[in-house]
PDB file of N, CA and C in Angstrom:
ATOM      1  N   UNK A   1     204.916  60.581 229.985  1.00  0.00           N
ATOM      2  CA  UNK A   1     205.044  59.194 230.416  1.00  0.00           C
ATOM      3  C   UNK A   1     203.814  58.365 230.087  1.00  0.00           C
ATOM      4  N   UNK A   2     202.739  59.005 229.638  1.00  0.00           N
ATOM      5  CA  UNK A   2     201.538  58.260 229.302  1.00  0.00           C
ATOM      6  C   UNK A   2     201.814  57.348 228.102  1.00  0.00           C
ATOM      7  N   UNK A   3     201.295  56.134 228.168  1.00  0.00           N
ATOM      8  CA  UNK A   3     201.424  55.172 227.084  1.00  0.00           C
ATOM      9  C   UNK A   3     200.085  55.058 226.362  1.00  0.00           C
ATOM     10  N   UNK A   4     200.143  54.936 225.036  1.00  0.00           N
ATOM     11  CA  UNK A   4     198.945  54.881 224.216  1.00  0.00           C
ATOM     12  C   UNK A   4     198.878  53.565 223.462  1.00  0.00           C
ATOM     13  N   UNK A   5     197.705  52.956 223.456  1.00  0.00           N
ATOM     14  CA  UNK A   5     197.465  51.720 222.723  1.00  0.00           C
ATOM     15  C   UNK A   5     196.267  51.923 221.825  1.00  0.00           C
ATOM     16  N   UNK A   6     196.456  51.713 220.526  1.00  0.00           N
ATOM     17  CA  UNK A   6     195.409  51.905 219.546  1.00  0.00           C
ATOM     18  C   UNK A   6     194.833  50.568 219.109  1.00  0.00           C
ATOM     19  N   UNK A   7     193.562  50.589 218.727  1.00  0.00           N
ATOM     20  CA  UNK A   7     192.910  49.401 218.219  1.00  0.00           C
ATOM     21  C   UNK A   7     191.748  49.815 217.320  1.00  0.00           C
ATOM     22  N   UNK A   8     191.199  48.863 216.592  1.00  0.00           N
ATOM     23  CA  UNK A   8     190.011  49.099 215.790  1.00  0.00           C
ATOM     24  C   UNK A   8     190.226  49.169 214.301  1.00  0.00           C
ATOM     25  N   UNK A   9     191.469  49.185 213.853  1.00  0.00           N
ATOM     26  CA  UNK A   9     191.735  49.211 212.433  1.00  0.00           C
ATOM     27  C   UNK A   9     191.383  47.896 211.778  1.00  0.00           C
ATOM     28  N   UNK A  10     191.356  47.913 210.452  1.00  0.00           N
ATOM     29  CA  UNK A  10     191.040  46.710 209.713  1.00  0.00           C
ATOM     30  C   UNK A  10     190.717  47.003 208.271  1.00  0.00           C
ATOM     31  N   UNK A  11     190.137  46.014 207.616  1.00  0.00           N
ATOM     32  CA  UNK A  11     189.756  46.100 206.212  1.00  0.00           C
ATOM     33  C   UNK A  11     188.251  46.287 206.114  1.00  0.00           C
ATOM     34  N   UNK A  12     187.820  47.281 205.352  1.00  0.00           N
ATOM     35  CA  UNK A  12     186.407  47.565 205.198  1.00  0.00           C
ATOM     36  C   UNK A  12     186.138  48.013 203.767  1.00  0.00           C
ATOM     37  N   UNK A  13     184.943  47.735 203.276  1.00  0.00           N
ATOM     38  CA  UNK A  13     184.558  48.184 201.942  1.00  0.00           C
ATOM     39  C   UNK A  13     184.201  49.661 201.948  1.00  0.00           C
ATOM     40  N   UNK A  14     184.354  50.300 200.796  1.00  0.00           N
ATOM     41  CA  UNK A  14     183.949  51.692 200.660  1.00  0.00           C
ATOM     42  C   UNK A  14     182.500  51.869 201.099  1.00  0.00           C
ATOM     43  N   UNK A  15     182.258  52.935 201.856  1.00  0.00           N
ATOM     44  CA  UNK A  15     180.941  53.189 202.410  1.00  0.00           C
ATOM     45  C   UNK A  15     180.727  52.614 203.792  1.00  0.00           C
ATOM     46  N   UNK A  16     181.646  51.782 204.240  1.00  0.00           N
ATOM     47  CA  UNK A  16     181.535  51.162 205.541  1.00  0.00           C
ATOM     48  C   UNK A  16     182.055  52.039 206.661  1.00  0.00           C
ATOM     49  N   UNK A  17     182.090  51.469 207.863  1.00  0.00           N
ATOM     50  CA  UNK A  17     182.470  52.210 209.061  1.00  0.00           C
ATOM     51  C   UNK A  17     183.465  51.428 209.900  1.00  0.00           C
ATOM     52  N   UNK A  18     184.281  52.162 210.630  1.00  0.00           N
ATOM     53  CA  UNK A  18     185.168  51.620 211.640  1.00  0.00           C
ATOM     54  C   UNK A  18     185.214  52.590 212.807  1.00  0.00           C
ATOM     55  N   UNK A  19     185.483  52.069 213.999  1.00  0.00           N
ATOM     56  CA  UNK A  19     185.719  52.914 215.160  1.00  0.00           C
ATOM     57  C   UNK A  19     187.085  52.590 215.731  1.00  0.00           C
ATOM     58  N   UNK A  20     187.967  53.576 215.718  1.00  0.00           N
ATOM     59  CA  UNK A  20     189.289  53.440 216.294  1.00  0.00           C
ATOM     60  C   UNK A  20     189.264  53.871 217.751  1.00  0.00           C
ATOM     61  N   UNK A  21     190.060  53.197 218.569  1.00  0.00           N
ATOM     62  CA  UNK A  21     190.185  53.529 219.977  1.00  0.00           C
ATOM     63  C   UNK A  21     191.635  53.820 220.314  1.00  0.00           C
ATOM     64  N   UNK A  22     191.842  54.778 221.190  1.00  0.00           N
ATOM     65  CA  UNK A  22     193.156  55.109 221.721  1.00  0.00           C
ATOM     66  C   UNK A  22     193.030  55.120 223.234  1.00  0.00           C
ATOM     67  N   UNK A  23     193.608  54.114 223.870  1.00  0.00           N
ATOM     68  CA  UNK A  23     193.505  53.966 225.318  1.00  0.00           C
ATOM     69  C   UNK A  23     194.827  54.315 225.971  1.00  0.00           C
ATOM     70  N   UNK A  24     194.788  55.126 227.024  1.00  0.00           N
ATOM     71  CA  UNK A  24     195.977  55.579 227.722  1.00  0.00           C
ATOM     72  C   UNK A  24     196.175  54.800 229.010  1.00  0.00           C
ATOM     73  N   UNK A  25     197.397  54.883 229.531  1.00  0.00           N
ATOM     74  CA  UNK A  25     197.794  54.063 230.663  1.00  0.00           C
ATOM     75  C   UNK A  25     197.409  54.637 232.019  1.00  0.00           C
ATOM     76  N   UNK A  26     197.005  55.908 232.084  1.00  0.00           N
ATOM     77  CA  UNK A  26     196.648  56.507 233.362  1.00  0.00           C
ATOM     78  C   UNK A  26     195.640  57.625 233.160  1.00  0.00           C
ATOM     79  N   UNK A  27     195.045  58.083 234.272  1.00  0.00           N
ATOM     80  CA  UNK A  27     194.042  59.138 234.174  1.00  0.00           C
ATOM     81  C   UNK A  27     194.647  60.530 234.011  1.00  0.00           C
ATOM     82  N   UNK A  28     195.980  60.623 233.965  1.00  0.00           N
ATOM     83  CA  UNK A  28     196.612  61.874 233.546  1.00  0.00           C
ATOM     84  C   UNK A  28     196.154  62.240 232.138  1.00  0.00           C
ATOM     85  N   UNK A  29     195.736  61.243 231.380  1.00  0.00           N
ATOM     86  CA  UNK A  29     195.243  61.404 230.016  1.00  0.00           C
ATOM     87  C   UNK A  29     194.196  62.504 229.892  1.00  0.00           C
ATOM     88  N   UNK A  30     193.398  62.733 230.933  1.00  0.00           N
ATOM     89  CA  UNK A  30     192.307  63.694 230.848  1.00  0.00           C
ATOM     90  C   UNK A  30     192.789  65.121 230.649  1.00  0.00           C
ATOM     91  N   UNK A  31     194.058  65.392 230.946  1.00  0.00           N
ATOM     92  CA  UNK A  31     194.612  66.730 230.777  1.00  0.00           C
ATOM     93  C   UNK A  31     195.206  66.960 229.398  1.00  0.00           C
ATOM     94  N   UNK A  32     195.267  65.931 228.584  1.00  0.00           N
ATOM     95  CA  UNK A  32     195.925  66.005 227.289  1.00  0.00           C
ATOM     96  C   UNK A  32     194.971  66.417 226.179  1.00  0.00           C
ATOM     97  N   UNK A  33     195.508  67.150 225.212  1.00  0.00           N
ATOM     98  CA  UNK A  33     194.849  67.322 223.928  1.00  0.00           C
ATOM     99  C   UNK A  33     195.208  66.120 223.056  1.00  0.00           C
ATOM    100  N   UNK A  34     194.230  65.577 222.343  1.00  0.00           N
ATOM    101  CA  UNK A  34     194.422  64.363 221.562  1.00  0.00           C
ATOM    102  C   UNK A  34     194.209  64.654 220.084  1.00  0.00           C
ATOM    103  N   UNK A  35     195.107  64.140 219.272  1.00  0.00           N
ATOM    104  CA  UNK A  35     195.019  64.275 217.826  1.00  0.00           C
ATOM    105  C   UNK A  35     195.090  62.901 217.174  1.00  0.00           C
ATOM    106  N   UNK A  36     194.311  62.729 216.112  1.00  0.00           N
ATOM    107  CA  UNK A  36     194.463  61.575 215.239  1.00  0.00           C
ATOM    108  C   UNK A  36     195.146  62.035 213.956  1.00  0.00           C
ATOM    109  N   UNK A  37     196.206  61.344 213.595  1.00  0.00           N
ATOM    110  CA  UNK A  37     196.926  61.570 212.349  1.00  0.00           C
ATOM    111  C   UNK A  37     196.795  60.336 211.476  1.00  0.00           C
ATOM    112  N   UNK A  38     197.038  60.508 210.187  1.00  0.00           N
ATOM    113  CA  UNK A  38     197.121  59.357 209.302  1.00  0.00           C
ATOM    114  C   UNK A  38     198.228  59.570 208.289  1.00  0.00           C
ATOM    115  N   UNK A  39     198.796  58.461 207.839  1.00  0.00           N
ATOM    116  CA  UNK A  39     199.880  58.498 206.876  1.00  0.00           C
ATOM    117  C   UNK A  39     199.698  57.373 205.869  1.00  0.00           C
ATOM    118  N   UNK A  40     199.494  57.747 204.618  1.00  0.00           N
ATOM    119  CA  UNK A  40     199.401  56.795 203.527  1.00  0.00           C
ATOM    120  C   UNK A  40     200.788  56.566 202.941  1.00  0.00           C
ATOM    121  N   UNK A  41     201.001  55.431 202.269  1.00  0.00           N
ATOM    122  CA  UNK A  41     202.317  55.161 201.679  1.00  0.00           C
ATOM    123  C   UNK A  41     202.780  56.287 200.764  1.00  0.00           C
ATOM    124  N   UNK A  42     204.013  56.728 200.963  1.00  0.00           N
ATOM    125  CA  UNK A  42     204.589  57.767 200.132  1.00  0.00           C
ATOM    126  C   UNK A  42     204.117  59.172 200.425  1.00  0.00           C
ATOM    127  N   UNK A  43     203.293  59.354 201.460  1.00  0.00           N
ATOM    128  CA  UNK A  43     202.763  60.666 201.786  1.00  0.00           C
ATOM    129  C   UNK A  43     203.144  61.069 203.204  1.00  0.00           C
ATOM    130  N   UNK A  44     203.017  62.359 203.493  1.00  0.00           N
ATOM    131  CA  UNK A  44     203.325  62.862 204.822  1.00  0.00           C
ATOM    132  C   UNK A  44     202.225  62.493 205.805  1.00  0.00           C
ATOM    133  N   UNK A  45     202.574  62.566 207.086  1.00  0.00           N
ATOM    134  CA  UNK A  45     201.611  62.306 208.139  1.00  0.00           C
ATOM    135  C   UNK A  45     200.794  63.570 208.394  1.00  0.00           C
ATOM    136  N   UNK A  46     199.477  63.472 208.250  1.00  0.00           N
ATOM    137  CA  UNK A  46     198.589  64.621 208.372  1.00  0.00           C
ATOM    138  C   UNK A  46     197.600  64.425 209.514  1.00  0.00           C
ATOM    139  N   UNK A  47     197.301  65.509 210.216  1.00  0.00           N
ATOM    140  CA  UNK A  47     196.280  65.477 211.247  1.00  0.00           C
ATOM    141  C   UNK A  47     194.903  65.426 210.606  1.00  0.00           C
ATOM    142  N   UNK A  48     194.037  64.567 211.117  1.00  0.00           N
ATOM    143  CA  UNK A  48     192.691  64.458 210.579  1.00  0.00           C
ATOM    144  C   UNK A  48     191.619  64.878 211.573  1.00  0.00           C
ATOM    145  N   UNK A  49     191.884  64.756 212.862  1.00  0.00           N
ATOM    146  CA  UNK A  49     190.899  65.116 213.875  1.00  0.00           C
ATOM    147  C   UNK A  49     191.611  65.430 215.173  1.00  0.00           C
ATOM    148  N   UNK A  50     191.012  66.305 215.974  1.00  0.00           N
ATOM    149  CA  UNK A  50     191.611  66.696 217.248  1.00  0.00           C
ATOM    150  C   UNK A  50     190.524  66.974 218.265  1.00  0.00           C
ATOM    151  N   UNK A  51     190.844  66.722 219.525  1.00  0.00           N
ATOM    152  CA  UNK A  51     189.942  67.055 220.617  1.00  0.00           C
ATOM    153  C   UNK A  51     190.779  67.563 221.778  1.00  0.00           C
ATOM    154  N   UNK A  52     190.364  68.689 222.359  1.00  0.00           N
ATOM    155  CA  UNK A  52     191.090  69.271 223.475  1.00  0.00           C
ATOM    156  C   UNK A  52     190.664  68.622 224.781  1.00  0.00           C
ATOM    157  N   UNK A  53     191.407  68.940 225.843  1.00  0.00           N
ATOM    158  CA  UNK A  53     191.036  68.441 227.165  1.00  0.00           C
ATOM    159  C   UNK A  53     189.647  68.919 227.578  1.00  0.00           C
ATOM    160  N   UNK A  54     189.212  70.060 227.041  1.00  0.00           N
ATOM    161  CA  UNK A  54     187.890  70.587 227.333  1.00  0.00           C
ATOM    162  C   UNK A  54     186.790  70.058 226.438  1.00  0.00           C
ATOM    163  N   UNK A  55     187.141  69.265 225.423  1.00  0.00           N
ATOM    164  CA  UNK A  55     186.148  68.652 224.567  1.00  0.00           C
ATOM    165  C   UNK A  55     185.900  69.336 223.239  1.00  0.00           C
ATOM    166  N   UNK A  56     186.601  70.419 222.939  1.00  0.00           N
ATOM    167  CA  UNK A  56     186.450  71.071 221.641  1.00  0.00           C
ATOM    168  C   UNK A  56     187.079  70.214 220.552  1.00  0.00           C
ATOM    169  N   UNK A  57     186.449  70.173 219.374  1.00  0.00           N
ATOM    170  CA  UNK A  57     186.904  69.305 218.293  1.00  0.00           C
ATOM    171  C   UNK A  57     187.197  70.092 217.024  1.00  0.00           C
ATOM    172  N   UNK A  58     188.088  69.544 216.207  1.00  0.00           N
ATOM    173  CA  UNK A  58     188.409  70.080 214.897  1.00  0.00           C
ATOM    174  C   UNK A  58     188.705  68.930 213.952  1.00  0.00           C
ATOM    175  N   UNK A  59     188.426  69.140 212.654  1.00  0.00           N
ATOM    176  CA  UNK A  59     188.615  68.121 211.643  1.00  0.00           C
ATOM    177  C   UNK A  59     189.199  68.728 210.385  1.00  0.00           C
ATOM    178  N   UNK A  60     189.988  67.932 209.678  1.00  0.00           N
ATOM    179  CA  UNK A  60     190.396  68.333 208.350  1.00  0.00           C
ATOM    180  C   UNK A  60     189.164  68.293 207.441  1.00  0.00           C
ATOM    181  N   UNK A  61     189.130  69.182 206.446  1.00  0.00           N
ATOM    182  CA  UNK A  61     187.933  69.320 205.622  1.00  0.00           C
ATOM    183  C   UNK A  61     187.505  68.004 204.974  1.00  0.00           C
ATOM    184  N   UNK A  62     188.453  67.176 204.587  1.00  0.00           N
ATOM    185  CA  UNK A  62     188.140  65.963 203.852  1.00  0.00           C
ATOM    186  C   UNK A  62     187.375  64.923 204.671  1.00  0.00           C
ATOM    187  N   UNK A  63     187.347  65.058 205.992  1.00  0.00           N
ATOM    188  CA  UNK A  63     186.638  64.084 206.824  1.00  0.00           C
ATOM    189  C   UNK A  63     185.456  64.689 207.562  1.00  0.00           C
ATOM    190  N   UNK A  64     185.239  65.983 207.443  1.00  0.00           N
ATOM    191  CA  UNK A  64     184.113  66.621 208.120  1.00  0.00           C
ATOM    192  C   UNK A  64     182.797  65.996 207.673  1.00  0.00           C
ATOM    193  N   UNK A  65     181.938  65.711 208.631  1.00  0.00           N
ATOM    194  CA  UNK A  65     180.668  65.074 208.348  1.00  0.00           C
ATOM    195  C   UNK A  65     180.731  63.573 208.280  1.00  0.00           C
ATOM    196  N   UNK A  66     181.935  63.001 208.223  1.00  0.00           N
ATOM    197  CA  UNK A  66     182.103  61.555 208.156  1.00  0.00           C
ATOM    198  C   UNK A  66     182.767  60.980 209.410  1.00  0.00           C
ATOM    199  N   UNK A  67     183.725  61.713 209.972  1.00  0.00           N
ATOM    200  CA  UNK A  67     184.465  61.257 211.142  1.00  0.00           C
ATOM    201  C   UNK A  67     184.015  62.043 212.374  1.00  0.00           C
ATOM    202  N   UNK A  68     183.999  61.377 213.522  1.00  0.00           N
ATOM    203  CA  UNK A  68     183.678  62.016 214.782  1.00  0.00           C
ATOM    204  C   UNK A  68     184.685  61.587 215.835  1.00  0.00           C
ATOM    205  N   UNK A  69     185.338  62.554 216.462  1.00  0.00           N
ATOM    206  CA  UNK A  69     186.261  62.277 217.553  1.00  0.00           C
ATOM    207  C   UNK A  69     185.555  62.551 218.871  1.00  0.00           C
ATOM    208  N   UNK A  70     185.780  61.693 219.844  1.00  0.00           N
ATOM    209  CA  UNK A  70     185.173  61.857 221.158  1.00  0.00           C
ATOM    210  C   UNK A  70     186.106  61.280 222.206  1.00  0.00           C
ATOM    211  N   UNK A  71     185.838  61.605 223.472  1.00  0.00           N
ATOM    212  CA  UNK A  71     186.672  61.062 224.535  1.00  0.00           C
ATOM    213  C   UNK A  71     185.828  60.662 225.729  1.00  0.00           C
ATOM    214  N   UNK A  72     186.291  59.638 226.416  1.00  0.00           N
ATOM    215  CA  UNK A  72     185.695  59.164 227.654  1.00  0.00           C
ATOM    216  C   UNK A  72     186.817  59.156 228.677  1.00  0.00           C
ATOM    217  N   UNK A  73     186.926  60.238 229.437  1.00  0.00           N
ATOM    218  CA  UNK A  73     188.042  60.370 230.368  1.00  0.00           C
ATOM    219  C   UNK A  73     187.991  59.342 231.495  1.00  0.00           C
ATOM    220  N   UNK A  74     186.790  58.892 231.864  1.00  0.00           N
ATOM    221  CA  UNK A  74     186.676  57.862 232.885  1.00  0.00           C
ATOM    222  C   UNK A  74     187.325  56.566 232.437  1.00  0.00           C
ATOM    223  N   UNK A  75     187.380  56.337 231.120  1.00  0.00           N
ATOM    224  CA  UNK A  75     187.998  55.140 230.563  1.00  0.00           C
ATOM    225  C   UNK A  75     189.372  55.419 229.965  1.00  0.00           C
ATOM    226  N   UNK A  76     189.852  56.653 230.092  1.00  0.00           N
ATOM    227  CA  UNK A  76     191.152  57.054 229.537  1.00  0.00           C
ATOM    228  C   UNK A  76     191.243  56.717 228.049  1.00  0.00           C
ATOM    229  N   UNK A  77     190.164  56.966 227.324  1.00  0.00           N
ATOM    230  CA  UNK A  77     190.073  56.537 225.938  1.00  0.00           C
ATOM    231  C   UNK A  77     189.522  57.643 225.051  1.00  0.00           C
ATOM    232  N   UNK A  78     190.102  57.768 223.862  1.00  0.00           N
ATOM    233  CA  UNK A  78     189.586  58.622 222.803  1.00  0.00           C
ATOM    234  C   UNK A  78     189.196  57.741 221.632  1.00  0.00           C
ATOM    235  N   UNK A  79     188.097  58.092 220.987  1.00  0.00           N
ATOM    236  CA  UNK A  79     187.578  57.325 219.865  1.00  0.00           C
ATOM    237  C   UNK A  79     187.586  58.161 218.593  1.00  0.00           C
ATOM    238  N   UNK A  80     187.723  57.491 217.471  1.00  0.00           N
ATOM    239  CA  UNK A  80     187.514  58.103 216.170  1.00  0.00           C
ATOM    240  C   UNK A  80     186.522  57.235 215.414  1.00  0.00           C
ATOM    241  N   UNK A  81     185.280  57.693 215.346  1.00  0.00           N
ATOM    242  CA  UNK A  81     184.254  57.005 214.583  1.00  0.00           C
ATOM    243  C   UNK A  81     184.364  57.448 213.134  1.00  0.00           C
ATOM    244  N   UNK A  82     184.551  56.499 212.232  1.00  0.00           N
ATOM    245  CA  UNK A  82     184.750  56.782 210.823  1.00  0.00           C
ATOM    246  C   UNK A  82     183.618  56.144 210.031  1.00  0.00           C
ATOM    247  N   UNK A  83     182.796  56.969 209.407  1.00  0.00           N
ATOM    248  CA  UNK A  83     181.680  56.513 208.589  1.00  0.00           C
ATOM    249  C   UNK A  83     181.901  56.899 207.135  1.00  0.00           C
ATOM    250  N   UNK A  84     181.134  56.274 206.255  1.00  0.00           N
ATOM    251  CA  UNK A  84     181.209  56.566 204.821  1.00  0.00           C
ATOM    252  C   UNK A  84     182.641  56.557 204.325  1.00  0.00           C
ATOM    253  N   UNK A  85     183.364  55.517 204.675  1.00  0.00           N
ATOM    254  CA  UNK A  85     184.780  55.448 204.352  1.00  0.00           C
ATOM    255  C   UNK A  85     185.013  55.366 202.848  1.00  0.00           C
ATOM    256  N   UNK A  86     186.098  55.992 202.427  1.00  0.00           N
ATOM    257  CA  UNK A  86     186.499  56.040 201.030  1.00  0.00           C
ATOM    258  C   UNK A  86     187.870  55.396 200.871  1.00  0.00           C
ATOM    259  N   UNK A  87     188.186  54.893 199.671  1.00  0.00           N
ATOM    260  CA  UNK A  87     189.521  54.319 199.467  1.00  0.00           C
ATOM    261  C   UNK A  87     190.647  55.279 199.831  1.00  0.00           C
ATOM    262  N   UNK A  88     190.463  56.575 199.624  1.00  0.00           N
ATOM    263  CA  UNK A  88     191.496  57.543 199.964  1.00  0.00           C
ATOM    264  C   UNK A  88     191.702  57.716 201.464  1.00  0.00           C
ATOM    265  N   UNK A  89     190.833  57.113 202.285  1.00  0.00           N
ATOM    266  CA  UNK A  89     191.044  57.102 203.727  1.00  0.00           C
ATOM    267  C   UNK A  89     192.044  56.032 204.157  1.00  0.00           C
ATOM    268  N   UNK A  90     192.445  55.177 203.241  1.00  0.00           N
ATOM    269  CA  UNK A  90     193.396  54.120 203.555  1.00  0.00           C
ATOM    270  C   UNK A  90     194.710  54.715 204.038  1.00  0.00           C
ATOM    271  N   UNK A  91     195.148  54.298 205.221  1.00  0.00           N
ATOM    272  CA  UNK A  91     196.363  54.832 205.821  1.00  0.00           C
ATOM    273  C   UNK A  91     196.608  54.121 207.139  1.00  0.00           C
ATOM    274  N   UNK A  92     197.784  54.358 207.703  1.00  0.00           N
ATOM    275  CA  UNK A  92     198.030  54.018 209.092  1.00  0.00           C
ATOM    276  C   UNK A  92     197.582  55.201 209.934  1.00  0.00           C
ATOM    277  N   UNK A  93     196.737  54.946 210.915  1.00  0.00           N
ATOM    278  CA  UNK A  93     196.207  55.987 211.783  1.00  0.00           C
ATOM    279  C   UNK A  93     196.926  55.962 213.115  1.00  0.00           C
ATOM    280  N   UNK A  94     197.368  57.143 213.565  1.00  0.00           N
ATOM    281  CA  UNK A  94     198.141  57.285 214.785  1.00  0.00           C
ATOM    282  C   UNK A  94     197.429  58.196 215.777  1.00  0.00           C
ATOM    283  N   UNK A  95     197.426  57.803 217.028  1.00  0.00           N
ATOM    284  CA  UNK A  95     196.948  58.631 218.125  1.00  0.00           C
ATOM    285  C   UNK A  95     198.114  59.412 218.712  1.00  0.00           C
ATOM    286  N   UNK A  96     197.901  60.692 218.985  1.00  0.00           N
ATOM    287  CA  UNK A  96     198.918  61.571 219.535  1.00  0.00           C
ATOM    288  C   UNK A  96     198.335  62.337 220.707  1.00  0.00           C
ATOM    289  N   UNK A  97     199.023  62.324 221.845  1.00  0.00           N
ATOM    290  CA  UNK A  97     198.591  63.020 223.053  1.00  0.00           C
ATOM    291  C   UNK A  97     199.601  64.094 223.407  1.00  0.00           C
ATOM    292  N   UNK A  98     199.108  65.316 223.642  1.00  0.00           N
ATOM    293  CA  UNK A  98     199.995  66.440 223.917  1.00  0.00           C
ATOM    294  C   UNK A  98     199.509  67.265 225.096  1.00  0.00           C
ATOM    295  N   UNK A  99     200.444  67.689 225.922  1.00  0.00           N
ATOM    296  CA  UNK A  99     200.209  68.681 226.961  1.00  0.00           C
ATOM    297  C   UNK A  99     201.535  69.367 227.238  1.00  0.00           C
ATOM    298  N   UNK A 100     201.524  70.698 227.234  1.00  0.00           N
ATOM    299  CA  UNK A 100     202.766  71.426 227.395  1.00  0.00           C
ATOM    300  C   UNK A 100     203.754  71.048 226.314  1.00  0.00           C
ATOM    301  N   UNK A 101     204.964  70.676 226.731  1.00  0.00           N
ATOM    302  CA  UNK A 101     205.987  70.259 225.782  1.00  0.00           C
ATOM    303  C   UNK A 101     205.984  68.761 225.554  1.00  0.00           C
ATOM    304  N   UNK A 102     205.073  68.050 226.192  1.00  0.00           N
ATOM    305  CA  UNK A 102     205.014  66.598 226.076  1.00  0.00           C
ATOM    306  C   UNK A 102     204.229  66.196 224.834  1.00  0.00           C
ATOM    307  N   UNK A 103     204.731  65.205 224.109  1.00  0.00           N
ATOM    308  CA  UNK A 103     204.051  64.651 222.951  1.00  0.00           C
ATOM    309  C   UNK A 103     204.310  63.155 222.910  1.00  0.00           C
ATOM    310  N   UNK A 104     203.242  62.373 222.883  1.00  0.00           N
ATOM    311  CA  UNK A 104     203.338  60.923 222.907  1.00  0.00           C
ATOM    312  C   UNK A 104     202.545  60.340 221.753  1.00  0.00           C
ATOM    313  N   UNK A 105     203.116  59.341 221.095  1.00  0.00           N
ATOM    314  CA  UNK A 105     202.491  58.701 219.944  1.00  0.00           C
ATOM    315  C   UNK A 105     202.153  57.253 220.245  1.00  0.00           C
ATOM    316  N   UNK A 106     201.035  56.806 219.695  1.00  0.00           N
ATOM    317  CA  UNK A 106     200.726  55.392 219.683  1.00  0.00           C
ATOM    318  C   UNK A 106     201.471  54.693 218.565  1.00  0.00           C
ATOM    319  N   UNK A 107     201.283  53.389 218.469  1.00  0.00           N
ATOM    320  CA  UNK A 107     202.026  52.579 217.497  1.00  0.00           C
ATOM    321  C   UNK A 107     201.423  52.615 216.103  1.00  0.00           C
ATOM    322  N   UNK A 108     200.213  53.086 215.984  1.00  0.00           N
ATOM    323  CA  UNK A 108     199.517  53.133 214.713  1.00  0.00           C
ATOM    324  C   UNK A 108     198.672  51.901 214.475  1.00  0.00           C
ATOM    325  N   UNK A 109     197.586  52.077 213.740  1.00  0.00           N
ATOM    326  CA  UNK A 109     196.723  50.970 213.360  1.00  0.00           C
ATOM    327  C   UNK A 109     196.323  51.146 211.898  1.00  0.00           C
ATOM    328  N   UNK A 110     196.381  50.059 211.141  1.00  0.00           N
ATOM    329  CA  UNK A 110     196.145  50.107 209.702  1.00  0.00           C
ATOM    330  C   UNK A 110     194.656  50.126 209.395  1.00  0.00           C
ATOM    331  N   UNK A 111     194.251  51.068 208.558  1.00  0.00           N
ATOM    332  CA  UNK A 111     192.900  51.123 208.015  1.00  0.00           C
ATOM    333  C   UNK A 111     193.004  50.977 206.505  1.00  0.00           C
ATOM    334  N   UNK A 112     192.327  49.980 205.960  1.00  0.00           N
ATOM    335  CA  UNK A 112     192.323  49.748 204.525  1.00  0.00           C
ATOM    336  C   UNK A 112     190.883  49.742 204.033  1.00  0.00           C
ATOM    337  N   UNK A 113     190.591  50.594 203.058  1.00  0.00           N
ATOM    338  CA  UNK A 113     189.251  50.716 202.501  1.00  0.00           C
ATOM    339  C   UNK A 113     189.299  50.254 201.052  1.00  0.00           C
ATOM    340  N   UNK A 114     188.563  49.212 200.737  1.00  0.00           N
ATOM    341  CA  UNK A 114     188.542  48.667 199.388  1.00  0.00           C
ATOM    342  C   UNK A 114     187.436  49.317 198.571  1.00  0.00           C
ATOM    343  N   UNK A 115     187.654  49.416 197.268  1.00  0.00           N
ATOM    344  CA  UNK A 115     186.691  50.046 196.379  1.00  0.00           C
ATOM    345  C   UNK A 115     185.743  49.031 195.771  1.00  0.00           C
TER     346      UNK A 115
END
C-alpha cells in the first residue's frame, strides 16, 4: 500500500551530476528493500542500484564508483546520487520498493545526459 513519488530527473551534460529522490507515503517504508531501475527506449528495464532495509547496497557494474544509493528512514526517502554521468545513462529511472510478496513502483523520472 506504500505510495512512491520520484523526483530529481532532468537534463544534464556528460560529466555532470543529478540526485534522484524516492519518497514514500508512510514510515512502513523502513522495512522495504529499495531498488532503482532504468529503462532506455527500446531496451529492457534493468536494476542499477539496490539498498536493503538494513542498509546493504549493490550496484550494476556499469555504475559502480559513479552512483551511490542511500536512505533516510526518518524522511521515508531513498536517494540515488549520480555523478560522472554518461550519455548511456539516459533513461527513465524507476524506484521499486519490495517486502515479502509486495512490490510497488514509482511513476519514473526522466534522466537525459547530453554529449
